[in-house]
Amino acid sequence: MALTTNFTVTGMTCGHCVLSVTEEVSEVAGVTDVEVDLASGNLAVTSNDPVDAEKIREAVEEAGYQVA
């Protein structure tokens, strides 16, 4: 059963920002899908098992943004 966990990302201003976050978060072990909404800053992470929020935070920071 797929689980979706939502985060709020701050600092994104364009489509490239969304792509950067999507690419970094997609590399986190266990993540099966990533959806980022630029307008709201919502990051929806889908996985088969609970995801490590700290790993998601690190991936977002690697892309150059912050999790609120």
Protein backbone atom coordinates (compact mmCIF):
# COMPACT_ATOMS: atom_id res chain seq x y z
CA MET A 1 0.00 0.00 0.00
CA ALA A 2 1.46 3.34 -1.04
CA LEU A 3 1.93 6.06 1.54
CA THR A 4 2.04 9.77 0.71
CA THR A 5 3.84 12.18 3.02
CA ASN A 6 3.57 15.94 2.51
CA PHE A 7 6.20 18.58 3.21
CA THR A 8 6.34 22.32 2.56
CA VAL A 9 9.38 23.55 0.65
CA THR A 10 10.39 27.21 0.80
CA GLY A 11 12.51 29.23 -1.59
CA MET A 12 11.34 27.78 -4.91
CA THR A 13 10.63 30.42 -7.56
CA CYS A 14 10.55 28.62 -10.93
CA GLY A 15 10.14 25.37 -12.81
CA HIS A 16 13.86 24.65 -12.53
CA CYS A 17 13.50 24.77 -8.74
CA VAL A 18 10.73 22.18 -8.93
CA LEU A 19 12.87 19.96 -11.16
CA SER A 20 15.85 20.19 -8.80
CA VAL A 21 13.76 19.21 -5.77
CA THR A 22 12.04 16.40 -7.69
CA GLU A 23 15.36 14.94 -8.85
CA GLU A 24 17.01 15.03 -5.42
CA VAL A 25 14.02 13.63 -3.51
CA SER A 26 13.49 10.89 -6.13
CA GLU A 27 16.93 9.53 -5.23
CA VAL A 28 15.97 8.88 -1.58
CA ALA A 29 15.69 5.15 -0.90
CA GLY A 30 12.11 3.90 -0.92
CA VAL A 31 10.60 6.89 -2.73
CA THR A 32 8.38 5.80 -5.62
CA ASP A 33 6.90 9.15 -6.73
CA VAL A 34 7.46 12.85 -6.13
CA GLU A 35 5.07 15.71 -6.90
CA VAL A 36 6.00 19.34 -6.28
CA ASP A 37 3.58 22.27 -6.50
CA LEU A 38 5.45 25.52 -7.11
CA ALA A 39 2.58 27.83 -6.09
CA SER A 40 1.97 26.25 -2.68
CA GLY A 41 5.42 24.78 -2.07
CA ASN A 42 3.81 21.42 -1.37
CA LEU A 43 6.05 18.39 -1.78
CA ALA A 44 4.15 15.08 -1.90
CA VAL A 45 6.41 12.05 -1.49
CA THR A 46 4.97 8.61 -2.22
CA SER A 47 6.62 5.44 -0.93
CA ASN A 48 5.73 1.85 -0.15
CA ASP A 49 7.03 2.16 3.43
CA PRO A 50 7.24 5.16 5.76
CA VAL A 51 9.93 7.56 4.54
CA ASP A 52 12.65 9.03 6.71
CA ALA A 53 11.71 12.72 6.99
CA GLU A 54 15.32 13.65 7.72
CA LYS A 55 16.44 12.05 4.44
CA ILE A 56 13.80 14.08 2.59
CA ARG A 57 14.95 17.26 4.35
CA GLU A 58 18.56 16.52 3.38
CA ALA A 59 17.57 15.94 -0.26
CA VAL A 60 15.64 19.23 -0.38
CA GLU A 61 18.60 21.06 1.15
CA GLU A 62 20.93 19.42 -1.39
CA ALA A 63 18.72 20.95 -4.10
CA GLY A 64 19.22 24.35 -2.43
CA TYR A 65 15.89 24.80 -0.62
CA GLN A 66 14.43 24.39 2.86
CA VAL A 67 11.65 22.29 4.38
CA ALA A 68 9.42 24.52 6.50
